[in-house]
N, C-alpha and C. Protein backbone atom coordinates (compact mmCIF):
# COMPACT_ATOMS: atom_id res chain seq x y z
N UNK A 1 17.25 -106.54 -5.33
CA UNK A 1 18.50 -106.32 -6.20
C UNK A 1 18.43 -105.35 -6.93
N UNK A 2 19.56 -104.49 -6.97
CA UNK A 2 19.60 -103.24 -7.75
C UNK A 2 20.13 -103.68 -9.37
N UNK A 3 20.13 -102.71 -10.08
CA UNK A 3 20.40 -103.14 -11.33
C UNK A 3 21.87 -103.36 -11.56
N UNK A 4 22.21 -104.07 -12.64
CA UNK A 4 23.50 -104.59 -12.88
C UNK A 4 24.33 -103.42 -13.47
N UNK A 5 25.39 -103.03 -13.05
CA UNK A 5 26.28 -101.90 -13.70
C UNK A 5 26.83 -102.52 -14.94
N UNK A 6 27.29 -101.41 -15.87
CA UNK A 6 27.90 -101.77 -17.18
C UNK A 6 29.44 -102.13 -16.59
N UNK A 7 30.14 -102.73 -17.34
CA UNK A 7 31.53 -103.05 -17.29
C UNK A 7 32.37 -101.85 -16.99
N UNK A 8 32.00 -100.65 -17.73
CA UNK A 8 32.68 -99.46 -17.37
C UNK A 8 32.46 -98.96 -15.80
N UNK A 9 31.15 -99.04 -15.49
CA UNK A 9 30.72 -98.49 -14.25
C UNK A 9 31.44 -99.44 -13.17
N UNK A 10 31.46 -100.74 -13.32
CA UNK A 10 32.07 -101.61 -12.44
C UNK A 10 33.72 -101.33 -12.36
N UNK A 11 34.23 -101.16 -13.50
CA UNK A 11 35.78 -100.75 -13.51
C UNK A 11 36.12 -99.49 -12.80
N UNK A 12 35.08 -98.40 -12.73
CA UNK A 12 35.45 -97.12 -12.18
C UNK A 12 35.05 -96.09 -12.89
N UNK A 13 35.73 -95.40 -13.77
CA UNK A 13 35.46 -94.34 -14.53
C UNK A 13 36.36 -94.14 -15.55
N UNK A 14 36.11 -92.99 -16.28
CA UNK A 14 37.14 -92.63 -17.29
C UNK A 14 38.65 -92.69 -16.99
N UNK A 15 38.81 -92.13 -15.68
CA UNK A 15 40.14 -91.99 -15.32
C UNK A 15 40.80 -93.54 -15.13
N UNK A 16 40.08 -94.51 -14.81
CA UNK A 16 40.61 -95.89 -14.73
C UNK A 16 41.13 -96.28 -15.99
N UNK A 17 40.15 -96.08 -17.10
CA UNK A 17 40.81 -96.38 -18.53
C UNK A 17 41.82 -95.60 -18.79
N UNK A 18 41.86 -94.21 -18.70
CA UNK A 18 43.14 -93.55 -18.96
C UNK A 18 44.31 -94.00 -18.26
N UNK A 19 44.09 -94.27 -16.83
CA UNK A 19 45.28 -94.80 -16.31
C UNK A 19 45.98 -96.10 -16.87
N UNK A 20 44.92 -97.03 -17.11
CA UNK A 20 45.39 -98.25 -17.65
C UNK A 20 46.13 -98.26 -18.80
N UNK A 21 45.63 -97.52 -19.80
CA UNK A 21 46.27 -97.45 -21.04
C UNK A 21 47.61 -96.44 -20.94
N UNK A 22 47.32 -95.40 -20.07
CA UNK A 22 48.53 -94.47 -19.90
C UNK A 22 49.78 -95.25 -19.56
N UNK A 23 49.50 -96.25 -18.49
CA UNK A 23 50.56 -96.90 -18.04
C UNK A 23 51.01 -98.13 -18.85
N UNK A 24 50.10 -98.69 -19.72
CA UNK A 24 50.36 -99.63 -20.42
C UNK A 24 51.21 -99.42 -21.73
N UNK A 25 51.06 -98.29 -22.53
CA UNK A 25 51.63 -97.94 -23.77
C UNK A 25 53.03 -97.65 -23.49
N UNK A 26 53.55 -97.23 -22.45
CA UNK A 26 55.18 -97.13 -22.28
C UNK A 26 55.52 -98.41 -22.39
N UNK A 27 54.98 -99.48 -21.77
CA UNK A 27 55.64 -100.82 -21.71
C UNK A 27 55.53 -101.31 -23.32
N UNK A 28 54.61 -101.01 -23.89
CA UNK A 28 54.42 -101.39 -25.33
C UNK A 28 55.48 -100.70 -26.19
N UNK A 29 55.92 -99.47 -25.98
CA UNK A 29 56.77 -98.74 -26.65
C UNK A 29 58.24 -99.45 -26.32
N UNK A 30 58.40 -99.70 -25.08
CA UNK A 30 59.65 -100.21 -24.69
C UNK A 30 59.92 -101.79 -25.05
N UNK A 31 59.00 -102.40 -25.48
CA UNK A 31 58.89 -103.74 -25.79
C UNK A 31 59.81 -104.05 -27.19
N UNK A 32 60.64 -105.14 -27.20
CA UNK A 32 61.43 -105.38 -28.40
C UNK A 32 60.52 -105.78 -29.46
N UNK A 33 59.41 -106.52 -29.17
CA UNK A 33 58.67 -107.17 -30.26
C UNK A 33 57.56 -106.04 -30.59
N UNK A 34 57.06 -105.34 -29.74
CA UNK A 34 55.98 -104.53 -30.09
C UNK A 34 56.26 -102.94 -30.44
N UNK A 35 57.48 -102.56 -29.78
CA UNK A 35 57.62 -101.13 -29.82
C UNK A 35 58.11 -100.70 -31.24
N UNK A 36 58.47 -101.39 -32.14
CA UNK A 36 58.57 -101.05 -33.71
C UNK A 36 57.23 -100.88 -34.29
N UNK A 37 56.31 -101.75 -33.87
CA UNK A 37 54.76 -101.65 -34.44
C UNK A 37 54.17 -100.15 -34.05
N UNK A 38 54.51 -99.70 -32.73
CA UNK A 38 53.90 -98.54 -32.25
C UNK A 38 54.68 -97.36 -32.17
N UNK A 39 56.00 -97.33 -32.60
CA UNK A 39 56.95 -96.24 -32.55
C UNK A 39 56.37 -95.04 -33.15
N UNK A 40 55.50 -94.92 -34.29
CA UNK A 40 54.93 -94.00 -34.78
C UNK A 40 53.48 -93.54 -34.51
N UNK A 41 53.08 -93.98 -33.35
CA UNK A 41 51.52 -93.83 -32.80
C UNK A 41 51.44 -92.35 -32.52
N UNK A 42 50.25 -91.82 -32.80
CA UNK A 42 49.93 -90.35 -32.74
C UNK A 42 49.94 -90.08 -31.08
N UNK A 43 50.43 -88.89 -30.76
CA UNK A 43 50.27 -88.49 -29.45
C UNK A 43 48.84 -88.67 -28.77
N UNK A 44 47.82 -88.78 -29.50
CA UNK A 44 46.42 -88.93 -28.82
C UNK A 44 46.19 -90.47 -28.96
N UNK A 45 46.96 -91.42 -29.37
CA UNK A 45 46.73 -92.71 -29.41
C UNK A 45 46.25 -93.38 -28.10
N UNK A 46 46.91 -93.01 -27.09
CA UNK A 46 46.62 -93.70 -25.73
C UNK A 46 45.22 -93.32 -25.25
N UNK A 47 44.93 -91.97 -25.45
CA UNK A 47 43.58 -91.48 -24.86
C UNK A 47 42.36 -92.04 -26.02
N UNK A 48 42.75 -92.16 -27.22
CA UNK A 48 41.67 -92.77 -28.19
C UNK A 48 41.41 -94.19 -27.66
N UNK A 49 42.23 -94.92 -27.50
CA UNK A 49 42.20 -96.37 -26.90
C UNK A 49 41.45 -96.35 -25.74
N UNK A 50 41.84 -95.56 -24.79
CA UNK A 50 41.14 -95.52 -23.56
C UNK A 50 39.56 -95.43 -23.63
N UNK A 51 39.37 -94.29 -24.56
CA UNK A 51 38.01 -93.79 -24.79
C UNK A 51 37.33 -94.79 -25.76
N UNK A 52 37.88 -95.62 -26.59
CA UNK A 52 37.29 -96.70 -27.21
C UNK A 52 36.90 -97.73 -26.48
N UNK A 53 37.77 -98.36 -25.64
CA UNK A 53 37.41 -99.38 -24.83
C UNK A 53 36.49 -99.12 -23.63
N UNK A 54 36.55 -97.80 -23.16
CA UNK A 54 35.52 -97.39 -22.11
C UNK A 54 34.25 -97.43 -22.66
N UNK A 55 33.96 -96.89 -23.86
CA UNK A 55 32.88 -96.59 -24.79
C UNK A 55 32.20 -98.20 -25.00
N UNK A 56 33.09 -98.96 -25.52
CA UNK A 56 32.67 -100.41 -25.73
C UNK A 56 32.07 -101.09 -24.37
N UNK A 57 32.64 -100.79 -23.38
CA UNK A 57 32.17 -101.22 -21.83
C UNK A 57 31.19 -100.57 -21.41
N UNK A 58 30.55 -99.59 -22.24
CA UNK A 58 29.15 -98.88 -21.61
C UNK A 58 29.38 -97.60 -21.17
N UNK A 59 30.66 -96.96 -21.18
CA UNK A 59 30.84 -95.74 -20.74
C UNK A 59 30.37 -94.44 -21.70
N UNK A 60 31.07 -93.33 -21.34
CA UNK A 60 30.66 -92.21 -22.38
C UNK A 60 30.97 -92.50 -23.66
N UNK A 61 30.31 -91.92 -24.56
CA UNK A 61 30.79 -92.13 -26.02
C UNK A 61 31.76 -90.96 -26.45
N UNK A 62 32.76 -90.98 -25.62
CA UNK A 62 33.85 -89.95 -25.98
C UNK A 62 34.60 -90.27 -27.45
N UNK A 63 34.87 -91.61 -27.64
CA UNK A 63 35.65 -92.01 -28.85
C UNK A 63 34.72 -91.46 -30.23
N UNK A 64 33.42 -92.05 -30.08
CA UNK A 64 32.64 -91.41 -31.31
C UNK A 64 32.26 -90.04 -31.35
N UNK A 65 32.34 -89.28 -30.18
CA UNK A 65 31.95 -87.83 -30.35
C UNK A 65 33.15 -86.96 -30.19
N UNK A 66 33.94 -87.11 -29.16
CA UNK A 66 35.08 -86.05 -28.85
C UNK A 66 36.24 -86.46 -29.84
N UNK A 67 36.50 -87.78 -30.07
CA UNK A 67 37.48 -88.28 -30.83
C UNK A 67 37.09 -88.50 -32.27
N UNK A 68 35.89 -88.26 -32.73
CA UNK A 68 35.45 -88.42 -34.00
C UNK A 68 35.70 -89.76 -34.58
N UNK A 69 35.64 -90.80 -33.63
CA UNK A 69 36.03 -92.25 -34.12
C UNK A 69 34.86 -92.94 -34.45
N UNK A 70 34.88 -94.33 -34.99
CA UNK A 70 33.94 -95.11 -35.10
C UNK A 70 34.66 -96.41 -35.16
N UNK A 71 33.62 -97.39 -35.18
CA UNK A 71 34.22 -98.80 -35.18
C UNK A 71 35.02 -98.98 -36.47
N UNK A 72 34.51 -98.64 -37.52
CA UNK A 72 35.26 -98.65 -38.89
C UNK A 72 36.60 -97.91 -38.86
N UNK A 73 36.62 -96.95 -37.95
CA UNK A 73 37.95 -96.07 -37.90
C UNK A 73 38.89 -96.88 -37.29
N UNK A 74 38.66 -97.53 -36.08
CA UNK A 74 39.37 -98.40 -35.20
C UNK A 74 39.77 -99.65 -36.10
N UNK A 75 39.04 -100.31 -36.72
CA UNK A 75 39.35 -101.27 -37.50
C UNK A 75 40.44 -100.87 -38.57
N UNK A 76 40.24 -99.70 -39.26
CA UNK A 76 41.13 -99.20 -40.16
C UNK A 76 42.46 -98.88 -39.77
N UNK A 77 42.60 -98.86 -38.53
CA UNK A 77 44.07 -98.55 -37.72
C UNK A 77 44.82 -99.73 -38.00
N UNK A 78 44.08 -101.01 -38.01
CA UNK A 78 45.01 -102.16 -38.08
C UNK A 78 45.26 -102.79 -39.49
N UNK A 79 44.44 -102.22 -40.58
CA UNK A 79 44.56 -102.84 -41.79
C UNK A 79 46.06 -102.68 -42.40
N UNK A 80 46.48 -103.75 -42.96
CA UNK A 80 48.01 -103.77 -43.35
C UNK A 80 48.93 -103.78 -42.55
N UNK A 81 48.74 -103.88 -41.24
CA UNK A 81 49.90 -103.96 -40.23
C UNK A 81 50.60 -105.25 -40.11
N UNK A 82 49.93 -106.25 -40.59
CA UNK A 82 50.66 -107.51 -40.69
C UNK A 82 51.02 -108.08 -39.18
N UNK A 83 49.84 -108.01 -38.20
CA UNK A 83 50.26 -108.26 -36.79
C UNK A 83 50.49 -109.89 -36.68
N UNK A 84 51.25 -110.25 -35.83
CA UNK A 84 51.55 -111.69 -35.58
C UNK A 84 50.81 -112.23 -34.29
N UNK A 85 50.66 -113.61 -34.13
CA UNK A 85 50.09 -113.98 -32.94
C UNK A 85 51.07 -113.85 -31.71
N UNK A 86 52.41 -113.84 -31.95
CA UNK A 86 53.23 -113.71 -30.90
C UNK A 86 53.16 -112.12 -30.43
N UNK A 87 52.88 -111.15 -31.42
CA UNK A 87 52.82 -109.83 -31.03
C UNK A 87 51.36 -109.56 -30.31
N UNK A 88 50.25 -110.26 -30.85
CA UNK A 88 48.95 -110.07 -30.05
C UNK A 88 49.07 -110.65 -28.59
N UNK A 89 49.86 -111.87 -28.48
CA UNK A 89 50.05 -112.60 -27.10
C UNK A 89 50.84 -111.55 -26.31
N UNK A 90 51.86 -110.86 -26.76
CA UNK A 90 52.68 -109.93 -26.03
C UNK A 90 51.85 -108.76 -25.44
N UNK A 91 51.02 -108.20 -26.45
CA UNK A 91 50.23 -107.05 -26.27
C UNK A 91 49.13 -107.33 -24.99
N UNK A 92 48.47 -108.67 -25.13
CA UNK A 92 47.62 -108.98 -24.08
C UNK A 92 48.37 -109.17 -22.82
N UNK A 93 49.43 -109.93 -22.90
CA UNK A 93 50.16 -110.04 -21.53
C UNK A 93 50.69 -108.83 -20.97
N UNK A 94 51.08 -107.88 -21.73
CA UNK A 94 51.49 -106.56 -21.03
C UNK A 94 50.05 -105.76 -20.61
N UNK A 95 49.17 -105.92 -21.16
CA UNK A 95 47.89 -105.27 -20.62
C UNK A 95 47.34 -105.78 -19.52
N UNK A 96 47.42 -107.07 -19.31
CA UNK A 96 46.83 -107.88 -18.06
C UNK A 96 47.82 -107.63 -16.98
N UNK A 97 49.24 -107.53 -17.17
CA UNK A 97 50.14 -107.13 -16.26
C UNK A 97 49.83 -105.74 -15.74
N UNK A 98 49.54 -104.74 -16.56
CA UNK A 98 49.41 -103.48 -16.18
C UNK A 98 48.04 -103.20 -15.23
N UNK A 99 47.03 -104.24 -15.74
CA UNK A 99 45.77 -104.05 -15.19
C UNK A 99 45.95 -104.50 -13.56
N UNK A 100 46.71 -105.63 -13.39
CA UNK A 100 47.01 -105.89 -12.03
C UNK A 100 47.78 -104.86 -11.27
N UNK A 101 48.80 -104.23 -12.04
CA UNK A 101 49.45 -103.29 -11.34
C UNK A 101 48.80 -102.12 -10.89
N UNK A 102 47.68 -101.72 -11.72
CA UNK A 102 46.92 -100.39 -11.34
C UNK A 102 45.84 -100.90 -10.51
N UNK A 103 45.65 -102.13 -10.21
CA UNK A 103 44.55 -102.53 -9.14
C UNK A 103 43.18 -102.45 -9.78
N UNK A 104 43.16 -102.96 -11.21
CA UNK A 104 41.89 -102.97 -11.88
C UNK A 104 41.05 -104.03 -11.22
N UNK A 105 39.82 -103.83 -11.11
CA UNK A 105 39.01 -104.79 -10.38
C UNK A 105 39.41 -106.40 -10.82
N UNK A 106 39.43 -107.20 -9.87
CA UNK A 106 40.08 -108.56 -10.10
C UNK A 106 39.02 -109.67 -9.80
N UNK A 107 37.69 -109.27 -9.58
CA UNK A 107 36.83 -110.41 -9.37
C UNK A 107 36.62 -111.13 -10.65
N UNK A 108 36.39 -112.51 -10.55
CA UNK A 108 36.19 -113.32 -11.62
C UNK A 108 35.25 -112.80 -12.68
N UNK A 109 34.01 -112.31 -12.27
CA UNK A 109 33.32 -112.06 -13.31
C UNK A 109 33.61 -110.78 -14.32
N UNK A 110 34.27 -109.92 -13.52
CA UNK A 110 34.94 -108.79 -14.39
C UNK A 110 36.05 -109.03 -15.12
N UNK A 111 36.94 -109.76 -14.56
CA UNK A 111 38.22 -110.23 -15.35
C UNK A 111 37.79 -111.04 -16.46
N UNK A 112 36.70 -111.87 -16.33
CA UNK A 112 36.50 -112.92 -17.43
C UNK A 112 35.88 -112.05 -18.55
N UNK A 113 35.24 -111.02 -18.31
CA UNK A 113 34.49 -110.25 -19.44
C UNK A 113 35.61 -109.29 -19.87
N UNK A 114 36.44 -108.76 -19.17
CA UNK A 114 37.60 -107.89 -19.41
C UNK A 114 38.45 -108.83 -20.38
N UNK A 115 38.93 -109.99 -19.96
CA UNK A 115 39.85 -110.74 -20.81
C UNK A 115 39.01 -111.19 -21.97
N UNK A 116 37.95 -111.44 -22.01
CA UNK A 116 37.00 -112.04 -23.06
C UNK A 116 37.20 -110.83 -24.24
N UNK A 117 36.90 -109.71 -23.88
CA UNK A 117 36.89 -108.65 -24.77
C UNK A 117 38.23 -108.44 -25.47
N UNK A 118 39.18 -108.50 -24.58
CA UNK A 118 40.51 -108.18 -25.10
C UNK A 118 41.12 -109.28 -25.99
N UNK A 119 40.74 -110.45 -25.76
CA UNK A 119 40.97 -111.66 -26.50
C UNK A 119 40.16 -111.62 -28.02
N UNK A 120 38.86 -111.00 -27.88
CA UNK A 120 38.25 -110.95 -28.94
C UNK A 120 38.68 -109.90 -29.84
N UNK A 121 39.03 -108.68 -29.33
CA UNK A 121 39.29 -107.58 -30.03
C UNK A 121 40.68 -107.72 -30.51
N UNK A 122 41.72 -108.43 -29.95
CA UNK A 122 43.02 -108.67 -30.25
C UNK A 122 43.06 -109.61 -31.47
N UNK A 123 42.16 -110.68 -31.39
CA UNK A 123 42.16 -111.56 -32.51
C UNK A 123 41.63 -110.83 -33.69
N UNK A 124 40.56 -110.17 -33.62
CA UNK A 124 40.14 -109.42 -34.81
C UNK A 124 41.16 -108.55 -35.36
N UNK A 125 42.02 -107.78 -34.47
CA UNK A 125 43.01 -107.06 -34.96
C UNK A 125 43.95 -107.73 -35.77
N UNK A 126 44.28 -108.84 -35.48
CA UNK A 126 45.32 -109.75 -36.14
C UNK A 126 44.69 -110.08 -37.60
N UNK A 127 43.34 -110.55 -37.44
CA UNK A 127 42.66 -110.83 -38.81
C UNK A 127 42.68 -109.87 -39.58
N UNK A 128 42.13 -108.69 -39.13
CA UNK A 128 42.27 -107.24 -39.97
C UNK A 128 43.38 -106.73 -40.45
N UNK A 129 44.42 -107.14 -39.92
CA UNK A 129 45.86 -106.51 -40.10
C UNK A 129 46.45 -107.16 -41.38
N UNK A 130 45.74 -108.24 -41.62
CA UNK A 130 46.33 -109.02 -42.98
C UNK A 130 45.44 -108.59 -44.14
N UNK A 131 44.60 -107.64 -43.88
CA UNK A 131 43.82 -107.11 -45.08
C UNK A 131 44.22 -105.97 -45.56
N UNK A 132 43.87 -105.65 -46.97
CA UNK A 132 44.37 -104.46 -47.60
C UNK A 132 43.12 -103.45 -47.54
N UNK A 133 42.02 -103.85 -47.35
CA UNK A 133 40.85 -102.99 -47.13
C UNK A 133 40.12 -103.13 -46.04
N UNK A 134 39.56 -102.09 -45.45
CA UNK A 134 38.72 -102.02 -44.36
C UNK A 134 37.40 -102.96 -44.65
N UNK A 135 37.03 -104.07 -43.78
CA UNK A 135 35.95 -104.91 -44.36
C UNK A 135 34.60 -104.48 -43.71
N UNK A 136 34.58 -103.34 -43.00
CA UNK A 136 33.41 -102.83 -42.60
C UNK A 136 33.14 -101.45 -42.96
N UNK A 137 31.95 -100.95 -43.14
CA UNK A 137 31.43 -99.61 -43.47
C UNK A 137 31.43 -98.50 -42.33
N UNK A 138 31.38 -97.33 -42.79
CA UNK A 138 31.32 -96.24 -41.85
C UNK A 138 30.19 -96.21 -40.78
N UNK A 139 29.14 -96.84 -41.22
CA UNK A 139 27.82 -96.97 -40.48
C UNK A 139 27.64 -98.29 -39.53
N UNK A 140 28.62 -98.82 -39.58
CA UNK A 140 28.77 -100.22 -38.76
C UNK A 140 28.79 -99.56 -37.07
N UNK A 141 27.80 -100.09 -36.34
CA UNK A 141 28.02 -99.70 -35.05
C UNK A 141 29.11 -99.89 -34.07
N UNK A 142 29.29 -99.25 -33.11
CA UNK A 142 30.41 -99.47 -32.11
C UNK A 142 30.03 -100.75 -31.46
N UNK A 143 31.05 -101.73 -31.33
CA UNK A 143 30.81 -102.83 -30.59
C UNK A 143 30.37 -102.55 -29.10
N UNK A 144 29.60 -103.41 -28.50
CA UNK A 144 29.27 -103.06 -26.99
C UNK A 144 29.76 -104.54 -26.49
N UNK A 145 30.01 -104.44 -25.07
CA UNK A 145 30.50 -105.63 -24.37
C UNK A 145 29.98 -105.67 -23.00
N UNK A 146 29.42 -106.73 -22.66
CA UNK A 146 28.93 -106.77 -21.37
C UNK A 146 29.23 -107.93 -20.64
N UNK A 147 28.51 -108.39 -19.62
CA UNK A 147 28.92 -109.41 -18.88
C UNK A 147 28.76 -110.84 -19.28
N UNK A 148 28.12 -111.14 -20.62
CA UNK A 148 28.13 -112.47 -21.30
C UNK A 148 29.11 -112.69 -22.38
N UNK A 149 28.68 -113.50 -23.06
CA UNK A 149 29.47 -113.98 -24.40
C UNK A 149 29.27 -113.30 -25.70
N UNK A 150 29.82 -113.44 -26.56
CA UNK A 150 30.02 -112.87 -27.96
C UNK A 150 28.77 -113.15 -28.80
N UNK A 151 28.21 -114.28 -28.91
CA UNK A 151 26.96 -114.44 -29.45
C UNK A 151 27.23 -115.35 -30.60
N UNK A 152 28.31 -116.10 -30.74
CA UNK A 152 28.21 -117.17 -31.66
C UNK A 152 29.72 -117.20 -32.33
N UNK A 153 30.20 -118.09 -33.30
CA UNK A 153 31.29 -118.21 -34.00
C UNK A 153 31.56 -117.19 -34.90
N UNK A 154 33.01 -117.02 -35.05
CA UNK A 154 33.32 -115.91 -36.11
C UNK A 154 33.22 -116.70 -37.51
N UNK A 155 32.62 -116.15 -38.46
CA UNK A 155 32.64 -116.63 -39.66
C UNK A 155 32.88 -115.72 -40.59
N UNK A 156 34.15 -115.59 -41.39
CA UNK A 156 34.64 -114.72 -42.29
C UNK A 156 33.62 -114.62 -43.49
N UNK A 157 33.52 -113.36 -44.06
CA UNK A 157 32.54 -113.26 -45.09
C UNK A 157 33.02 -114.13 -46.33
N UNK A 158 32.17 -114.79 -46.90
CA UNK A 158 32.32 -115.60 -48.09
C UNK A 158 32.49 -117.14 -47.69
N UNK A 159 32.38 -117.46 -46.37
CA UNK A 159 32.55 -118.79 -46.04
C UNK A 159 30.91 -119.16 -45.73
């Protein structure tokens, strides 16, 4: 048996992620609930998100090298945005709809890992959006996501 591919390799390549988010964000902008949150996003936002997710899934490190991003930088983008659960759910639903439309791999193992990451990341975005300061430092490593689970329950600092 050969080596197990990363989620990035299994999904395709960078073009796959750029296509996914390139087709997704116009839906977000047109959405009544999400449009106001994203109306002022930078022209590079779509590419940065594609690079971030691709890197988390084991792809090239374009987010941290070319985009000069970091995990702390991505978390910082959500601070103070006051995202709601209905916003999160809509964002996830539109992304899953787009994934189906572009023909993103649909085997149960990949989709389970993909949905797992999207659920994890969007739930953290909502939590962080209620904060006034970034809870992680600039030396925090980028998250990595594979074919398995997250590794335990979420416990906020101080609990």
